[in-house]
PDB file of N, CA and C in Angstrom:
ATOM      1  N   MET A   1     -22.728  47.787 -31.523  1.00  0.00           N
ATOM      2  CA  MET A   1     -22.938  46.697 -30.592  1.00  0.00           C
ATOM      3  C   MET A   1     -23.531  45.509 -31.358  1.00  0.00           C
ATOM      4  N   SER A   2     -22.945  44.335 -31.175  1.00  0.00           N
ATOM      5  CA  SER A   2     -23.410  43.163 -31.904  1.00  0.00           C
ATOM      6  C   SER A   2     -24.504  42.453 -31.118  1.00  0.00           C
ATOM      7  N   THR A   3     -25.385  41.801 -31.852  1.00  0.00           N
ATOM      8  CA  THR A   3     -26.453  41.044 -31.208  1.00  0.00           C
ATOM      9  C   THR A   3     -25.926  39.677 -30.819  1.00  0.00           C
ATOM     10  N   PRO A   4     -26.498  39.045 -29.811  1.00  0.00           N
ATOM     11  CA  PRO A   4     -26.064  37.690 -29.450  1.00  0.00           C
ATOM     12  C   PRO A   4     -26.262  36.730 -30.612  1.00  0.00           C
ATOM     13  N   GLN A   5     -25.451  35.693 -30.615  1.00  0.00           N
ATOM     14  CA  GLN A   5     -25.473  34.754 -31.738  1.00  0.00           C
ATOM     15  C   GLN A   5     -26.827  34.059 -31.870  1.00  0.00           C
ATOM     16  N   PHE A   6     -27.490  33.784 -30.765  1.00  0.00           N
ATOM     17  CA  PHE A   6     -28.765  33.072 -30.855  1.00  0.00           C
ATOM     18  C   PHE A   6     -29.796  33.871 -31.638  1.00  0.00           C
ATOM     19  N   TRP A   7     -29.886  35.181 -31.389  1.00  0.00           N
ATOM     20  CA  TRP A   7     -30.920  35.980 -32.033  1.00  0.00           C
ATOM     21  C   TRP A   7     -30.572  36.316 -33.475  1.00  0.00           C
ATOM     22  N   SER A   8     -29.303  36.309 -33.843  1.00  0.00           N
ATOM     23  CA  SER A   8     -28.956  36.622 -35.225  1.00  0.00           C
ATOM     24  C   SER A   8     -29.104  35.396 -36.127  1.00  0.00           C
ATOM     25  N   THR A   9     -28.709  34.228 -35.655  1.00  0.00           N
ATOM     26  CA  THR A   9     -28.855  32.994 -36.446  1.00  0.00           C
ATOM     27  C   THR A   9     -29.305  31.864 -35.524  1.00  0.00           C
ATOM     28  N   PRO A  10     -30.602  31.765 -35.249  1.00  0.00           N
ATOM     29  CA  PRO A  10     -31.055  30.768 -34.262  1.00  0.00           C
ATOM     30  C   PRO A  10     -30.844  29.317 -34.693  1.00  0.00           C
ATOM     31  N   LEU A  11     -31.044  28.981 -35.956  1.00  0.00           N
ATOM     32  CA  LEU A  11     -30.883  27.586 -36.369  1.00  0.00           C
ATOM     33  C   LEU A  11     -29.428  27.148 -36.290  1.00  0.00           C
ATOM     34  N   ARG A  12     -28.520  28.020 -36.650  1.00  0.00           N
ATOM     35  CA  ARG A  12     -27.103  27.694 -36.553  1.00  0.00           C
ATOM     36  C   ARG A  12     -26.702  27.505 -35.093  1.00  0.00           C
ATOM     37  N   TYR A  13     -27.236  28.351 -34.213  1.00  0.00           N
ATOM     38  CA  TYR A  13     -26.928  28.243 -32.789  1.00  0.00           C
ATOM     39  C   TYR A  13     -27.488  26.940 -32.210  1.00  0.00           C
ATOM     40  N   ILE A  14     -28.693  26.566 -32.612  1.00  0.00           N
ATOM     41  CA  ILE A  14     -29.295  25.318 -32.121  1.00  0.00           C
ATOM     42  C   ILE A  14     -28.476  24.122 -32.584  1.00  0.00           C
ATOM     43  N   ARG A  15     -28.026  24.142 -33.825  1.00  0.00           N
ATOM     44  CA  ARG A  15     -27.187  23.055 -34.334  1.00  0.00           C
ATOM     45  C   ARG A  15     -25.870  22.985 -33.563  1.00  0.00           C
ATOM     46  N   TRP A  16     -25.261  24.131 -33.305  1.00  0.00           N
ATOM     47  CA  TRP A  16     -24.016  24.164 -32.532  1.00  0.00           C
ATOM     48  C   TRP A  16     -24.236  23.625 -31.126  1.00  0.00           C
ATOM     49  N   ALA A  17     -25.329  24.056 -30.480  1.00  0.00           N
ATOM     50  CA  ALA A  17     -25.607  23.618 -29.115  1.00  0.00           C
ATOM     51  C   ALA A  17     -25.869  22.115 -29.058  1.00  0.00           C
ATOM     52  N   SER A  18     -26.537  21.564 -30.083  1.00  0.00           N
ATOM     53  CA  SER A  18     -26.811  20.124 -30.063  1.00  0.00           C
ATOM     54  C   SER A  18     -25.530  19.307 -30.193  1.00  0.00           C
ATOM     55  N   HIS A  19     -24.492  19.854 -30.844  1.00  0.00           N
ATOM     56  CA  HIS A  19     -23.223  19.140 -30.968  1.00  0.00           C
ATOM     57  C   HIS A  19     -22.294  19.399 -29.793  1.00  0.00           C
ATOM     58  N   GLU A  20     -22.229  20.625 -29.345  1.00  0.00           N
ATOM     59  CA  GLU A  20     -21.257  20.995 -28.322  1.00  0.00           C
ATOM     60  C   GLU A  20     -21.761  20.799 -26.891  1.00  0.00           C
ATOM     61  N   LYS A  21     -23.048  20.978 -26.665  1.00  0.00           N
ATOM     62  CA  LYS A  21     -23.627  20.844 -25.325  1.00  0.00           C
ATOM     63  C   LYS A  21     -24.906  20.003 -25.407  1.00  0.00           C
ATOM     64  N   PRO A  22     -24.773  18.721 -25.703  1.00  0.00           N
ATOM     65  CA  PRO A  22     -25.972  17.896 -25.943  1.00  0.00           C
ATOM     66  C   PRO A  22     -26.841  17.699 -24.703  1.00  0.00           C
ATOM     67  N   ALA A  23     -26.255  17.615 -23.519  1.00  0.00           N
ATOM     68  CA  ALA A  23     -27.061  17.381 -22.317  1.00  0.00           C
ATOM     69  C   ALA A  23     -27.992  18.561 -22.062  1.00  0.00           C
ATOM     70  N   ILE A  24     -27.470  19.761 -22.176  1.00  0.00           N
ATOM     71  CA  ILE A  24     -28.301  20.951 -21.966  1.00  0.00           C
ATOM     72  C   ILE A  24     -29.329  21.085 -23.075  1.00  0.00           C
ATOM     73  N   PHE A  25     -28.909  20.859 -24.317  1.00  0.00           N
ATOM     74  CA  PHE A  25     -29.816  20.995 -25.460  1.00  0.00           C
ATOM     75  C   PHE A  25     -31.001  20.041 -25.357  1.00  0.00           C
ATOM     76  N   PHE A  26     -30.721  18.754 -25.119  1.00  0.00           N
ATOM     77  CA  PHE A  26     -31.812  17.790 -25.103  1.00  0.00           C
ATOM     78  C   PHE A  26     -32.656  17.892 -23.838  1.00  0.00           C
ATOM     79  N   SER A  27     -32.087  18.366 -22.735  1.00  0.00           N
ATOM     80  CA  SER A  27     -32.926  18.595 -21.561  1.00  0.00           C
ATOM     81  C   SER A  27     -33.903  19.736 -21.825  1.00  0.00           C
ATOM     82  N   LEU A  28     -33.473  20.752 -22.571  1.00  0.00           N
ATOM     83  CA  LEU A  28     -34.399  21.830 -22.946  1.00  0.00           C
ATOM     84  C   LEU A  28     -35.459  21.344 -23.923  1.00  0.00           C
ATOM     85  N   VAL A  29     -35.082  20.471 -24.848  1.00  0.00           N
ATOM     86  CA  VAL A  29     -36.053  19.926 -25.807  1.00  0.00           C
ATOM     87  C   VAL A  29     -37.110  19.094 -25.082  1.00  0.00           C
ATOM     88  N   ILE A  30     -36.672  18.203 -24.193  1.00  0.00           N
ATOM     89  CA  ILE A  30     -37.617  17.354 -23.455  1.00  0.00           C
ATOM     90  C   ILE A  30     -38.466  18.196 -22.505  1.00  0.00           C
ATOM     91  N   GLY A  31     -37.863  19.186 -21.856  1.00  0.00           N
ATOM     92  CA  GLY A  31     -38.615  20.052 -20.954  1.00  0.00           C
ATOM     93  C   GLY A  31     -39.639  20.897 -21.678  1.00  0.00           C
ATOM     94  N   SER A  32     -39.351  21.289 -22.912  1.00  0.00           N
ATOM     95  CA  SER A  32     -40.320  22.097 -23.660  1.00  0.00           C
ATOM     96  C   SER A  32     -41.502  21.255 -24.148  1.00  0.00           C
ATOM     97  N   MET A  33     -41.369  19.933 -24.150  1.00  0.00           N
ATOM     98  CA  MET A  33     -42.489  19.087 -24.562  1.00  0.00           C
ATOM     99  C   MET A  33     -43.534  18.933 -23.459  1.00  0.00           C
ATOM    100  N   GLY A  34     -43.215  19.294 -22.221  1.00  0.00           N
ATOM    101  CA  GLY A  34     -44.160  19.164 -21.113  1.00  0.00           C
ATOM    102  C   GLY A  34     -45.415  19.997 -21.281  1.00  0.00           C
ATOM    103  N   PRO A  35     -45.299  21.319 -21.508  1.00  0.00           N
ATOM    104  CA  PRO A  35     -46.508  22.115 -21.708  1.00  0.00           C
ATOM    105  C   PRO A  35     -47.308  21.696 -22.943  1.00  0.00           C
ATOM    106  N   VAL A  36     -46.617  21.239 -23.968  1.00  0.00           N
ATOM    107  CA  VAL A  36     -47.318  20.767 -25.163  1.00  0.00           C
ATOM    108  C   VAL A  36     -48.114  19.510 -24.834  1.00  0.00           C
ATOM    109  N   ALA A  37     -47.542  18.630 -24.003  1.00  0.00           N
ATOM    110  CA  ALA A  37     -48.227  17.391 -23.630  1.00  0.00           C
ATOM    111  C   ALA A  37     -49.471  17.672 -22.792  1.00  0.00           C
ATOM    112  N   LEU A  38     -49.445  18.715 -21.972  1.00  0.00           N
ATOM    113  CA  LEU A  38     -50.625  19.052 -21.174  1.00  0.00           C
ATOM    114  C   LEU A  38     -51.825  19.393 -22.055  1.00  0.00           C
ATOM    115  N   VAL A  39     -51.568  19.949 -23.200  1.00  0.00           N
ATOM    116  CA  VAL A  39     -52.659  20.350 -24.094  1.00  0.00           C
ATOM    117  C   VAL A  39     -53.072  19.208 -25.013  1.00  0.00           C
ATOM    118  N   THR A  40     -52.120  18.406 -25.469  1.00  0.00           N
ATOM    119  CA  THR A  40     -52.432  17.416 -26.505  1.00  0.00           C
ATOM    120  C   THR A  40     -52.788  16.029 -25.975  1.00  0.00           C
ATOM    121  N   LEU A  41     -52.273  15.608 -24.825  1.00  0.00           N
ATOM    122  CA  LEU A  41     -52.500  14.231 -24.390  1.00  0.00           C
ATOM    123  C   LEU A  41     -53.924  13.908 -23.934  1.00  0.00           C
ATOM    124  N   PRO A  42     -54.643  14.780 -23.192  1.00  0.00           N
ATOM    125  CA  PRO A  42     -56.005  14.394 -22.806  1.00  0.00           C
ATOM    126  C   PRO A  42     -56.942  14.077 -23.981  1.00  0.00           C
ATOM    127  N   PRO A  43     -56.962  14.863 -25.061  1.00  0.00           N
ATOM    128  CA  PRO A  43     -57.823  14.459 -26.184  1.00  0.00           C
ATOM    129  C   PRO A  43     -57.379  13.148 -26.836  1.00  0.00           C
ATOM    130  N   ILE A  44     -56.085  12.902 -26.881  1.00  0.00           N
ATOM    131  CA  ILE A  44     -55.595  11.644 -27.463  1.00  0.00           C
ATOM    132  C   ILE A  44     -56.019  10.466 -26.586  1.00  0.00           C
ATOM    133  N   ARG A  45     -55.928  10.620 -25.257  1.00  0.00           N
ATOM    134  CA  ARG A  45     -56.378   9.561 -24.357  1.00  0.00           C
ATOM    135  C   ARG A  45     -57.854   9.269 -24.555  1.00  0.00           C
ATOM    136  N   ARG A  46     -58.683  10.318 -24.639  1.00  0.00           N
ATOM    137  CA  ARG A  46     -60.122  10.106 -24.830  1.00  0.00           C
ATOM    138  C   ARG A  46     -60.415   9.447 -26.170  1.00  0.00           C
ATOM    139  N   TYR A  47     -59.634   9.764 -27.201  1.00  0.00           N
ATOM    140  CA  TYR A  47     -59.835   9.164 -28.526  1.00  0.00           C
ATOM    141  C   TYR A  47     -59.604   7.656 -28.481  1.00  0.00           C
ATOM    142  N   PHE A  48     -58.626   7.213 -27.702  1.00  0.00           N
ATOM    143  CA  PHE A  48     -58.325   5.791 -27.616  1.00  0.00           C
ATOM    144  C   PHE A  48     -59.147   5.072 -26.554  1.00  0.00           C
ATOM    145  N   GLY A  49     -60.102   5.760 -25.919  1.00  0.00           N
ATOM    146  CA  GLY A  49     -61.034   5.109 -25.018  1.00  0.00           C
ATOM    147  C   GLY A  49     -60.633   5.103 -23.560  1.00  0.00           C
ATOM    148  N   ASP A  50     -59.599   5.798 -23.181  1.00  0.00           N
ATOM    149  CA  ASP A  50     -59.195   5.857 -21.780  1.00  0.00           C
ATOM    150  C   ASP A  50     -60.108   6.832 -21.047  1.00  0.00           C
ATOM    151  N   VAL A  51     -60.762   6.367 -20.012  1.00  0.00           N
ATOM    152  CA  VAL A  51     -61.682   7.220 -19.259  1.00  0.00           C
ATOM    153  C   VAL A  51     -61.120   7.461 -17.870  1.00  0.00           C
ATOM    154  N   THR A  52     -61.517   8.550 -17.270  1.00  0.00           N
ATOM    155  CA  THR A  52     -61.116   8.845 -15.906  1.00  0.00           C
ATOM    156  C   THR A  52     -61.936   7.970 -14.964  1.00  0.00           C
ATOM    157  N   PRO A  53     -61.290   7.178 -14.096  1.00  0.00           N
ATOM    158  CA  PRO A  53     -62.062   6.298 -13.210  1.00  0.00           C
ATOM    159  C   PRO A  53     -62.808   7.098 -12.154  1.00  0.00           C
ATOM    160  N   GLU A  54     -63.879   6.493 -11.626  1.00  0.00           N
ATOM    161  CA  GLU A  54     -64.620   7.175 -10.571  1.00  0.00           C
ATOM    162  C   GLU A  54     -63.776   7.202  -9.301  1.00  0.00           C
ATOM    163  N   GLN A  55     -64.040   8.176  -8.457  1.00  0.00           N
ATOM    164  CA  GLN A  55     -63.228   8.353  -7.266  1.00  0.00           C
ATOM    165  C   GLN A  55     -63.452   7.221  -6.265  1.00  0.00           C
ATOM    166  N   VAL A  56     -62.397   6.899  -5.537  1.00  0.00           N
ATOM    167  CA  VAL A  56     -62.473   5.875  -4.503  1.00  0.00           C
ATOM    168  C   VAL A  56     -63.245   6.465  -3.325  1.00  0.00           C
ATOM    169  N   PRO A  57     -64.236   5.739  -2.785  1.00  0.00           N
ATOM    170  CA  PRO A  57     -64.989   6.292  -1.655  1.00  0.00           C
ATOM    171  C   PRO A  57     -64.102   6.446  -0.421  1.00  0.00           C
ATOM    172  N   LEU A  58     -64.323   7.521   0.308  1.00  0.00           N
ATOM    173  CA  LEU A  58     -63.526   7.795   1.500  1.00  0.00           C
ATOM    174  C   LEU A  58     -64.179   7.278   2.768  1.00  0.00           C
ATOM    175  N   THR A  59     -65.444   6.856   2.706  1.00  0.00           N
ATOM    176  CA  THR A  59     -66.136   6.313   3.871  1.00  0.00           C
ATOM    177  C   THR A  59     -66.731   4.956   3.508  1.00  0.00           C
ATOM    178  N   TYR A  60     -66.952   4.136   4.513  1.00  0.00           N
ATOM    179  CA  TYR A  60     -67.559   2.840   4.307  1.00  0.00           C
ATOM    180  C   TYR A  60     -69.079   3.024   4.294  1.00  0.00           C
ATOM    181  N   PRO A  61     -69.780   2.420   3.339  1.00  0.00           N
ATOM    182  CA  PRO A  61     -71.239   2.588   3.302  1.00  0.00           C
ATOM    183  C   PRO A  61     -71.903   1.903   4.499  1.00  0.00           C
ATOM    184  N   ILE A  62     -72.803   2.599   5.145  1.00  0.00           N
ATOM    185  CA  ILE A  62     -73.514   2.067   6.307  1.00  0.00           C
ATOM    186  C   ILE A  62     -74.732   1.287   5.799  1.00  0.00           C
ATOM    187  N   PRO A  63     -74.789  -0.026   6.124  1.00  0.00           N
ATOM    188  CA  PRO A  63     -75.921  -0.824   5.630  1.00  0.00           C
ATOM    189  C   PRO A  63     -77.207  -0.459   6.380  1.00  0.00           C
ATOM    190  N   SER A  64     -78.317  -0.595   5.675  1.00  0.00           N
ATOM    191  CA  SER A  64     -79.613  -0.325   6.317  1.00  0.00           C
ATOM    192  C   SER A  64     -80.071  -1.583   7.057  1.00  0.00           C
ATOM    193  N   GLY A  65     -80.805  -1.386   8.120  1.00  0.00           N
ATOM    194  CA  GLY A  65     -81.321  -2.512   8.894  1.00  0.00           C
ATOM    195  C   GLY A  65     -80.412  -2.868  10.050  1.00  0.00           C
ATOM    196  N   PRO A  66     -80.824  -3.885  10.825  1.00  0.00           N
ATOM    197  CA  PRO A  66     -80.027  -4.266  12.002  1.00  0.00           C
ATOM    198  C   PRO A  66     -78.737  -4.986  11.595  1.00  0.00           C
ATOM    199  N   ARG A  67     -77.742  -4.906  12.483  1.00  0.00           N
ATOM    200  CA  ARG A  67     -76.463  -5.547  12.228  1.00  0.00           C
ATOM    201  C   ARG A  67     -76.581  -7.036  12.505  1.00  0.00           C
ATOM    202  N   VAL A  68     -76.073  -7.844  11.579  1.00  0.00           N
ATOM    203  CA  VAL A  68     -76.093  -9.293  11.754  1.00  0.00           C
ATOM    204  C   VAL A  68     -74.824  -9.680  12.507  1.00  0.00           C
ATOM    205  N   ILE A  69     -74.985 -10.294  13.682  1.00  0.00           N
ATOM    206  CA  ILE A  69     -73.852 -10.697  14.503  1.00  0.00           C
ATOM    207  C   ILE A  69     -73.492 -12.130  14.137  1.00  0.00           C
ATOM    208  N   PRO A  70     -72.226 -12.379  13.785  1.00  0.00           N
ATOM    209  CA  PRO A  70     -71.839 -13.736  13.401  1.00  0.00           C
ATOM    210  C   PRO A  70     -71.966 -14.697  14.595  1.00  0.00           C
ATOM    211  N   GLN A  71     -72.306 -15.940  14.316  1.00  0.00           N
ATOM    212  CA  GLN A  71     -72.481 -16.959  15.350  1.00  0.00           C
ATOM    213  C   GLN A  71     -71.377 -18.010  15.216  1.00  0.00           C
ATOM    214  N   GLY A  72     -71.011 -18.610  16.340  1.00  0.00           N
ATOM    215  CA  GLY A  72     -70.074 -19.733  16.308  1.00  0.00           C
ATOM    216  C   GLY A  72     -68.632 -19.367  16.520  1.00  0.00           C
ATOM    217  N   TYR A  73     -68.318 -18.140  16.833  1.00  0.00           N
ATOM    218  CA  TYR A  73     -66.917 -17.748  17.034  1.00  0.00           C
ATOM    219  C   TYR A  73     -66.627 -17.410  18.496  1.00  0.00           C
ATOM    220  N   ASP A  74     -67.487 -17.797  19.435  1.00  0.00           N
ATOM    221  CA  ASP A  74     -67.298 -17.488  20.850  1.00  0.00           C
ATOM    222  C   ASP A  74     -66.304 -18.481  21.462  1.00  0.00           C
ATOM    223  N   ASP A  75     -65.473 -17.972  22.382  1.00  0.00           N
ATOM    224  CA  ASP A  75     -64.536 -18.851  23.110  1.00  0.00           C
ATOM    225  C   ASP A  75     -65.280 -19.474  24.284  1.00  0.00           C
ATOM    226  N   GLN A  76     -65.422 -20.789  24.314  1.00  0.00           N
ATOM    227  CA  GLN A  76     -66.110 -21.486  25.394  1.00  0.00           C
ATOM    228  C   GLN A  76     -65.391 -22.735  25.798  1.00  0.00           C
TER     229      GLN A  76
END
């Protein structure tokens, strides 16, 4: 029983796939860079000074003291 071509000569198979089926080959190459980017990009971002911004507040801050009512906008 013969082994599949990929496992017997992987570099030759990769070269063949890049010429004969480029869309599938390069989609696999780009897709395999995703997990690598998850590990490598955060330290690179921090090295160049990119910081995570503080979270946007979900509530409006309630001011202390009595409420100031605007004057001069009454219909008369």
